[in-house]
Protein backbone atom coordinates (compact mmCIF):
# COMPACT_ATOMS: atom_id res chain seq x y z
CA MET A 1 11.40 34.12 106.07
CA SER A 2 8.76 32.60 103.79
CA VAL A 3 5.10 32.19 104.72
CA ILE A 4 5.57 28.40 104.82
CA SER A 5 8.60 28.50 107.13
CA PHE A 6 6.91 31.04 109.36
CA ALA A 7 3.88 28.69 109.64
CA LEU A 8 6.20 25.84 110.61
CA PHE A 9 7.92 27.96 113.24
CA ALA A 10 4.56 29.03 114.65
CA LYS A 11 3.43 25.41 114.90
CA ALA A 12 6.66 24.45 116.70
CA ALA A 13 6.15 27.26 119.24
CA ALA A 14 2.53 26.11 119.73
CA ILE A 15 3.74 22.56 120.39
CA GLY A 16 6.06 23.82 123.13
CA LEU A 17 3.33 25.87 124.78
CA LEU A 18 0.57 23.25 124.54
CA GLY A 19 2.86 20.46 125.66
CA ALA A 20 3.76 22.37 128.83
CA ALA A 21 0.25 23.52 129.64
CA PRO A 22 -1.32 20.32 131.13
CA MET A 23 -1.27 20.73 134.90
CA GLY A 24 0.75 17.74 136.12
CA PRO A 25 3.35 17.46 138.88
CA SER A 26 5.63 19.93 137.11
CA GLY A 27 2.94 22.57 137.02
CA VAL A 28 2.09 21.98 140.69
CA LEU A 29 5.78 22.45 141.59
CA VAL A 30 5.97 25.72 139.61
CA ILE A 31 2.92 26.98 141.45
CA ARG A 32 4.39 26.05 144.81
CA LYS A 33 7.72 27.70 143.96
CA THR A 34 5.92 30.84 142.80
CA LEU A 35 3.94 31.03 146.04
CA ASP A 36 7.04 30.44 148.15
CA LYS A 37 9.74 32.30 146.22
CA GLY A 38 7.86 34.70 144.00
CA ARG A 39 7.48 35.01 140.25
CA PHE A 40 11.22 34.72 139.53
CA GLY A 41 11.61 31.47 141.56
CA GLY A 42 8.60 29.95 139.86
CA PHE A 43 9.81 30.95 136.40
CA LEU A 44 13.25 29.46 137.06
CA THR A 45 11.61 26.20 138.10
CA GLY A 46 9.66 26.28 134.88
CA LEU A 47 12.93 26.67 132.96
CA GLY A 48 14.09 23.43 134.54
CA VAL A 49 10.88 21.72 133.33
CA MET A 50 11.55 23.18 129.89
CA LEU A 51 15.03 21.58 129.77
CA SER A 52 13.46 18.19 130.49
CA ASP A 53 10.77 18.80 127.87
CA MET A 54 13.45 19.56 125.29
CA ILE A 55 15.06 16.17 125.91
CA TYR A 56 11.78 14.38 125.26
CA ILE A 57 10.92 16.56 122.27
CA ALA A 58 14.36 15.78 120.80
CA VAL A 59 13.76 12.06 121.39
CA THR A 60 10.34 12.35 119.74
CA MET A 61 11.86 14.10 116.74
CA THR A 62 14.37 11.31 116.19
CA GLY A 63 11.57 8.93 115.26
CA LEU A 64 8.69 7.04 116.80
CA SER A 65 10.57 3.76 116.76
CA LEU A 66 13.27 5.06 119.08
CA VAL A 67 10.68 6.56 121.42
CA LEU A 68 8.72 3.34 121.67
CA GLY A 69 11.84 1.31 122.13
CA TYR A 70 12.93 3.50 125.03
CA LEU A 71 9.58 3.25 126.79
CA GLU A 72 9.22 -0.46 126.21
CA ASN A 73 12.48 -1.30 127.96
CA PRO A 74 10.99 -2.78 131.16
CA ARG A 75 13.96 -2.18 133.48
CA VAL A 76 14.51 1.43 132.40
CA ALA A 77 10.79 2.22 132.47
CA MET A 78 10.30 0.73 135.93
CA ALA A 79 13.36 2.45 137.38
CA VAL A 80 12.27 5.83 136.01
CA LYS A 81 8.69 5.45 137.20
CA MET A 82 9.69 4.31 140.72
CA THR A 83 12.11 7.25 140.98
CA GLY A 84 9.24 9.49 139.98
CA CYS A 85 7.08 8.07 142.78
CA VAL A 86 9.76 8.80 145.37
CA LEU A 87 10.36 12.34 144.09
CA LEU A 88 6.63 13.14 144.03
CA MET A 89 6.22 11.87 147.58
CA PHE A 90 9.20 13.88 148.76
CA PHE A 91 7.94 17.12 147.18
CA GLY A 92 4.46 16.53 148.54
CA ILE A 93 5.62 16.05 152.11
CA SER A 94 7.99 19.01 151.80
CA THR A 95 5.16 21.19 150.50
CA ILE A 96 2.80 20.25 153.35
CA ARG A 97 5.53 20.87 155.94
CA ASN A 98 6.41 24.25 154.45
CA ASN A 99 4.76 26.69 156.88
CA PRO A 100 5.12 30.35 155.85
CA LEU A 101 3.70 31.46 159.20
CA ALA A 102 6.65 29.83 161.04
CA LYS A 103 9.18 31.15 158.54
CA ALA A 104 7.96 34.72 158.37
CA ARG A 105 10.06 35.93 161.28
CA ARG A 106 13.34 34.70 159.83
CA GLU A 107 12.54 35.37 156.16
CA ARG A 108 15.04 38.22 155.89
CA ASN A 109 17.93 36.09 157.09
CA ALA A 110 16.97 32.92 155.22
CA ARG A 111 19.15 32.04 152.26
CA ALA A 112 17.17 31.97 149.05
CA ASP A 113 17.41 29.05 146.71
CA SER A 114 20.05 29.64 144.09
CA ILE A 115 19.17 29.88 140.39
CA TRP A 116 20.48 26.37 139.82
CA GLN A 117 18.54 24.90 142.73
CA ASN A 118 15.26 26.19 141.29
CA VAL A 119 16.10 25.01 137.78
CA LEU A 120 17.29 21.62 139.02
CA SER A 121 14.10 21.02 141.08
CA GLY A 122 11.96 21.60 138.01
CA PHE A 123 14.13 19.42 135.82
CA LEU A 124 14.15 16.47 138.27
CA VAL A 125 10.39 16.42 138.67
CA ALA A 126 9.78 16.59 134.87
CA VAL A 127 12.52 14.25 133.64
CA VAL A 128 11.21 11.18 135.58
CA ASN A 129 7.99 11.24 133.48
CA PRO A 130 9.00 9.87 130.09
CA LEU A 131 5.36 9.26 129.15
CA VAL A 132 5.22 12.97 128.30
CA VAL A 133 6.61 11.98 124.92
CA PHE A 134 3.14 10.75 124.00
CA ILE A 135 1.86 14.30 124.41
CA TYR A 136 4.46 15.57 121.99
CA MET A 137 3.87 12.66 119.60
CA GLY A 138 0.23 13.64 119.42
CA LEU A 139 1.02 17.32 118.98
CA PHE A 140 3.56 16.70 116.22
CA ALA A 141 0.99 14.51 114.45
CA PHE A 142 -1.80 17.10 114.96
CA PHE A 143 0.26 19.96 113.52
CA ALA A 144 1.66 17.66 110.78
CA LEU A 145 5.25 18.80 111.21
CA PRO A 146 7.43 16.88 108.72
CA VAL A 147 10.37 16.47 111.09
CA ASP A 148 11.36 13.12 109.56
CA TYR A 149 12.24 14.93 106.35
CA MET A 150 14.12 17.85 107.93
CA ASP A 151 17.90 18.15 108.05
CA MET A 152 19.72 18.63 111.33
CA PRO A 153 19.65 22.51 111.24
CA GLY A 154 15.91 22.42 110.54
CA LYS A 155 15.28 20.08 113.46
CA LEU A 156 17.37 22.28 115.69
CA GLU A 157 15.28 25.31 114.70
CA MET A 158 12.12 23.40 115.48
CA LEU A 159 13.51 22.38 118.87
CA LEU A 160 14.42 25.98 119.76
CA LEU A 161 10.95 27.22 118.74
CA CYS A 162 9.36 24.50 120.91
CA ALA A 163 11.54 25.70 123.76
CA ALA A 164 10.36 29.28 123.20
CA GLY A 165 6.73 28.19 123.44
CA ASP A 166 7.50 26.17 126.58
CA VAL A 167 9.18 29.17 128.22
CA CYS A 168 6.19 31.36 127.34
CA TRP A 169 3.86 29.05 129.24
CA TRP A 170 5.95 29.09 132.41
CA LEU A 171 6.31 32.86 132.16
CA ILE A 172 2.53 33.25 131.92
CA LEU A 173 1.81 30.74 134.70
CA SER A 174 4.31 32.20 137.19
CA PHE A 175 3.06 35.72 136.44
CA LEU A 176 -0.58 34.80 137.05
CA ILE A 177 0.12 32.78 140.18
CA ASN A 178 2.23 35.57 141.58
CA LYS A 179 -0.68 37.97 141.05
CA LEU A 180 -2.97 35.54 142.85
CA ARG A 181 -0.41 35.13 145.60
CA ASN A 182 -0.65 38.85 146.37
CA ARG A 183 -4.31 38.40 147.28
CA PHE A 184 -3.52 35.92 150.09
CA ASP A 185 -2.07 36.46 153.52
CA LEU A 186 0.44 34.00 154.97
CA ARG A 187 -2.30 31.77 156.31
CA GLY A 188 -3.90 31.54 152.90
CA VAL A 189 -0.56 30.64 151.30
CA TRP A 190 -0.10 27.93 153.97
CA MET A 191 -3.48 26.40 153.09
CA ILE A 192 -2.59 26.40 149.38
CA ASN A 193 0.69 24.67 150.22
CA ARG A 194 -1.18 21.94 152.07
CA ILE A 195 -3.59 21.45 149.19
CA LEU A 196 -0.78 21.29 146.64
CA GLY A 197 1.20 18.87 148.87
CA THR A 198 -1.81 16.60 149.20
CA ILE A 199 -2.22 16.54 145.40
CA LEU A 200 1.41 15.52 144.99
CA ILE A 201 1.19 12.76 147.58
CA ALA A 202 -2.05 11.47 146.09
CA ALA A 203 -0.48 11.44 142.63
CA SER A 204 2.54 9.58 143.97
CA ALA A 205 0.38 6.99 145.74
CA GLY A 206 -1.82 6.50 142.71
CA TRP A 207 1.20 6.13 140.43
CA PHE A 208 2.71 3.50 142.78
CA VAL A 209 -0.56 1.50 142.88
CA ILE A 210 -0.65 1.49 139.07
CA LEU A 211 2.94 0.26 138.88
CA VAL A 212 2.54 -2.65 141.30
CA ILE A 213 -0.81 -3.87 139.99
């Protein structure tokens, strides 16, 4: 691997990590899952977010004209945004109602979420926010990646390295939150759930107001 190609790969990984790092609804969901299900559950939810991010990175890499055309379609944009409002409200209410004190007695017998349930929850929350492409547009411009001049194998390599950076972020976040989780008793976790749920509901309400104005 040449120095130049290594630099390009490092930039692609940095784009994946930096694009995932802003703490939006996806990050809140990963925190909630980590608190409820542990580090593995939170990380799996982050993998679902990563799959959504890869879709929007791939769209970004196909060219800015396609990205802008997708976002400027009024019917598609409105449908996606309204779906996002509903999902955010649902997850917010679910988070507030999630009481670890009440569930502690039956925790042994409770069926854990499957791998695919965790992954799907992260994917659904992230995929309804197509405006994330603007983050990646800015990052690609900042790192000056010449994706418009790359062939298909080169673009695929860039996409995989972005995915690796994205995965690294969710691994770090779930690990740190799990460490923090160990410092709380069940009542403390319950309070965090209520705070996170309130954030989600407020974000949903604010998003809805912006859409209807």
